[in-house]
Structures are given as C-alpha cells and as structure tokens.
C-alpha cells in the first residue's frame, strides 16, 4: 500500500452517499403509503437529478460541433420514448454523437 491513501477517503464517502441516495427510494417502505404520484416522483428523483449534471456537458464539451451532443440526446430520447428501453438509447446516443462529430 502507498503512503497516500487519504485521497481515497473522500472518494469512498462520496460513493457511499451516492449509493444511499439512489438506493433508499427502492427500499423505503413508507413510499407505498403515499399518493401514487408523489411516490413515483420520489422514486424517480435521483434519476431526474442526473439531468442537470449531464446536460450542460452535452452542449459545452463540443465547441465546434455543439449540435452533436444535442443530436445524440434527441435520438436517445425519441427511441426511449417509443421503446421504453435504456441500453439501446444510450448506445444510440453515443453512435449518433460520434457520427455527428465526424461530419
């Protein structure tokens, strides 16, 4: 082991905190007693919080081809809306963004 493990402590604490925030809604039994809309909203909150973290990077990471990330997100959103999947829209988004960056 090295003499520099203190950098691992904040990383591990962040990982535990992130896991708890995302896993808690699935194991919390009190959510079943809430109204259906509120229960579903609380269960989706951790996923919805990723949007503001990811979306600015989609636009700001590609200076010359700023539209590439938006095309990837649009393709993934349309496919996910029609097919209710997750893996294929992610792969589609990567592919569309890559192709847009090649043009």
C-alpha atoms as a PDB file:
ATOM      1  CA  UNK A   1       0.000   0.000   0.000  1.00  0.00           C
ATOM      2  CA  UNK A   2       1.169   3.541  -0.618  1.00  0.00           C
ATOM      3  CA  UNK A   3       1.702   6.388   1.798  1.00  0.00           C
ATOM      4  CA  UNK A   4      -1.022   8.471   0.120  1.00  0.00           C
ATOM      5  CA  UNK A   5      -4.386   6.843   0.911  1.00  0.00           C
ATOM      6  CA  UNK A   6      -6.167   9.964   2.259  1.00  0.00           C
ATOM      7  CA  UNK A   7      -7.448  10.830  -1.231  1.00  0.00           C
ATOM      8  CA  UNK A   8      -9.449   7.599  -1.164  1.00  0.00           C
ATOM      9  CA  UNK A   9     -11.486   8.621   1.888  1.00  0.00           C
ATOM     10  CA  UNK A  10     -13.480  11.402   0.152  1.00  0.00           C
ATOM     11  CA  UNK A  11     -13.974   9.187  -2.900  1.00  0.00           C
ATOM     12  CA  UNK A  12     -15.323   6.308  -0.824  1.00  0.00           C
ATOM     13  CA  UNK A  13     -17.549   8.611   1.247  1.00  0.00           C
ATOM     14  CA  UNK A  14     -18.960  10.146  -1.939  1.00  0.00           C
ATOM     15  CA  UNK A  15     -19.611   6.678  -3.355  1.00  0.00           C
ATOM     16  CA  UNK A  16     -21.460   5.583  -0.201  1.00  0.00           C
ATOM     17  CA  UNK A  17     -23.509   8.797  -0.103  1.00  0.00           C
ATOM     18  CA  UNK A  18     -24.414   8.481  -3.776  1.00  0.00           C
ATOM     19  CA  UNK A  19     -25.399   4.849  -3.342  1.00  0.00           C
ATOM     20  CA  UNK A  20     -27.583   5.605  -0.334  1.00  0.00           C
ATOM     21  CA  UNK A  21     -29.400   8.442  -2.061  1.00  0.00           C
ATOM     22  CA  UNK A  22     -30.117   6.293  -5.119  1.00  0.00           C
ATOM     23  CA  UNK A  23     -30.935   3.040  -3.312  1.00  0.00           C
ATOM     24  CA  UNK A  24     -33.049   4.437  -0.470  1.00  0.00           C
ATOM     25  CA  UNK A  25     -36.194   5.097  -2.562  1.00  0.00           C
ATOM     26  CA  UNK A  26     -36.288   1.459  -3.647  1.00  0.00           C
ATOM     27  CA  UNK A  27     -36.083   0.111  -0.119  1.00  0.00           C
ATOM     28  CA  UNK A  28     -38.154   2.725   1.693  1.00  0.00           C
ATOM     29  CA  UNK A  29     -41.487   1.146   2.638  1.00  0.00           C
ATOM     30  CA  UNK A  30     -43.176   4.437   3.564  1.00  0.00           C
ATOM     31  CA  UNK A  31     -43.281   5.409  -0.122  1.00  0.00           C
ATOM     32  CA  UNK A  32     -46.012   2.825  -0.703  1.00  0.00           C
ATOM     33  CA  UNK A  33     -48.346   4.659   1.684  1.00  0.00           C
ATOM     34  CA  UNK A  34     -48.004   7.996  -0.114  1.00  0.00           C
ATOM     35  CA  UNK A  35     -50.244   9.051  -3.013  1.00  0.00           C
ATOM     36  CA  UNK A  36     -49.216   7.327  -6.246  1.00  0.00           C
ATOM     37  CA  UNK A  37     -47.956  10.492  -7.991  1.00  0.00           C
ATOM     38  CA  UNK A  38     -45.817  11.560  -5.019  1.00  0.00           C
ATOM     39  CA  UNK A  39     -44.463   8.051  -4.524  1.00  0.00           C
ATOM     40  CA  UNK A  40     -43.421   7.766  -8.161  1.00  0.00           C
ATOM     41  CA  UNK A  41     -41.917  11.266  -8.110  1.00  0.00           C
ATOM     42  CA  UNK A  42     -39.765  10.451  -5.102  1.00  0.00           C
ATOM     43  CA  UNK A  43     -38.634   7.180  -6.653  1.00  0.00           C
ATOM     44  CA  UNK A  44     -37.556   8.986  -9.849  1.00  0.00           C
ATOM     45  CA  UNK A  45     -35.921  11.948  -8.109  1.00  0.00           C
ATOM     46  CA  UNK A  46     -32.406  10.514  -8.051  1.00  0.00           C
ATOM     47  CA  UNK A  47     -32.576   9.710 -11.763  1.00  0.00           C
ATOM     48  CA  UNK A  48     -34.016  13.138 -12.592  1.00  0.00           C
ATOM     49  CA  UNK A  49     -31.189  14.820 -10.685  1.00  0.00           C
ATOM     50  CA  UNK A  50     -28.718  13.475 -13.242  1.00  0.00           C
ATOM     51  CA  UNK A  51     -30.207  15.672 -15.980  1.00  0.00           C
ATOM     52  CA  UNK A  52     -28.846  18.991 -14.686  1.00  0.00           C
ATOM     53  CA  UNK A  53     -25.477  17.332 -14.112  1.00  0.00           C
ATOM     54  CA  UNK A  54     -25.145  15.805 -17.565  1.00  0.00           C
ATOM     55  CA  UNK A  55     -26.960  18.201 -19.916  1.00  0.00           C
ATOM     56  CA  UNK A  56     -24.571  21.208 -19.667  1.00  0.00           C
ATOM     57  CA  UNK A  57     -21.666  18.940 -20.575  1.00  0.00           C
ATOM     58  CA  UNK A  58     -23.505  17.793 -23.682  1.00  0.00           C
ATOM     59  CA  UNK A  59     -23.551  21.335 -25.021  1.00  0.00           C
ATOM     60  CA  UNK A  60     -20.275  22.677 -23.649  1.00  0.00           C
ATOM     61  CA  UNK A  61     -17.956  19.743 -24.436  1.00  0.00           C
ATOM     62  CA  UNK A  62     -18.151  20.133 -28.209  1.00  0.00           C
ATOM     63  CA  UNK A  63     -17.205  23.721 -29.049  1.00  0.00           C
ATOM     64  CA  UNK A  64     -17.035  23.432 -32.843  1.00  0.00           C
ATOM     65  CA  UNK A  65     -19.845  20.878 -33.173  1.00  0.00           C
ATOM     66  CA  UNK A  66     -22.149  21.903 -30.330  1.00  0.00           C
ATOM     67  CA  UNK A  67     -25.086  20.287 -32.105  1.00  0.00           C
ATOM     68  CA  UNK A  68     -23.535  16.779 -31.927  1.00  0.00           C
ATOM     69  CA  UNK A  69     -24.477  16.201 -28.298  1.00  0.00           C
ATOM     70  CA  UNK A  70     -27.956  17.572 -28.841  1.00  0.00           C
ATOM     71  CA  UNK A  71     -28.494  15.222 -31.789  1.00  0.00           C
ATOM     72  CA  UNK A  72     -27.374  12.303 -29.636  1.00  0.00           C
ATOM     73  CA  UNK A  73     -29.749  13.253 -26.820  1.00  0.00           C
ATOM     74  CA  UNK A  74     -32.631  13.792 -29.251  1.00  0.00           C
ATOM     75  CA  UNK A  75     -32.083  10.388 -30.874  1.00  0.00           C
ATOM     76  CA  UNK A  76     -31.893   8.664 -27.483  1.00  0.00           C
ATOM     77  CA  UNK A  77     -34.960  10.478 -26.174  1.00  0.00           C
ATOM     78  CA  UNK A  78     -37.074   9.586 -29.206  1.00  0.00           C
ATOM     79  CA  UNK A  79     -36.021   5.948 -29.162  1.00  0.00           C
ATOM     80  CA  UNK A  80     -36.509   5.628 -25.391  1.00  0.00           C
ATOM     81  CA  UNK A  81     -39.941   7.233 -25.632  1.00  0.00           C
ATOM     82  CA  UNK A  82     -41.058   4.758 -28.296  1.00  0.00           C
ATOM     83  CA  UNK A  83     -39.391   1.592 -26.957  1.00  0.00           C
ATOM     84  CA  UNK A  84     -39.117   2.161 -23.169  1.00  0.00           C
ATOM     85  CA  UNK A  85     -35.533   0.919 -23.066  1.00  0.00           C
ATOM     86  CA  UNK A  86     -32.320   2.189 -21.578  1.00  0.00           C
ATOM     87  CA  UNK A  87     -29.269   0.397 -23.002  1.00  0.00           C
ATOM     88  CA  UNK A  88     -30.116   0.816 -26.695  1.00  0.00           C
ATOM     89  CA  UNK A  89     -30.863   4.560 -26.356  1.00  0.00           C
ATOM     90  CA  UNK A  90     -27.525   5.066 -24.617  1.00  0.00           C
ATOM     91  CA  UNK A  91     -25.667   3.210 -27.362  1.00  0.00           C
ATOM     92  CA  UNK A  92     -27.688   5.061 -29.995  1.00  0.00           C
ATOM     93  CA  UNK A  93     -26.813   8.385 -28.398  1.00  0.00           C
ATOM     94  CA  UNK A  94     -23.121   7.526 -28.434  1.00  0.00           C
ATOM     95  CA  UNK A  95     -23.316   6.439 -32.073  1.00  0.00           C
ATOM     96  CA  UNK A  96     -25.262   9.479 -33.269  1.00  0.00           C
ATOM     97  CA  UNK A  97     -22.939  11.853 -31.405  1.00  0.00           C
ATOM     98  CA  UNK A  98     -19.895  10.132 -32.850  1.00  0.00           C
ATOM     99  CA  UNK A  99     -21.271  10.304 -36.379  1.00  0.00           C
ATOM    100  CA  UNK A 100     -22.201  13.970 -35.951  1.00  0.00           C
ATOM    101  CA  UNK A 101     -18.663  14.716 -34.768  1.00  0.00           C
ATOM    102  CA  UNK A 102     -17.230  13.036 -37.875  1.00  0.00           C
ATOM    103  CA  UNK A 103     -19.184  15.343 -40.196  1.00  0.00           C
END
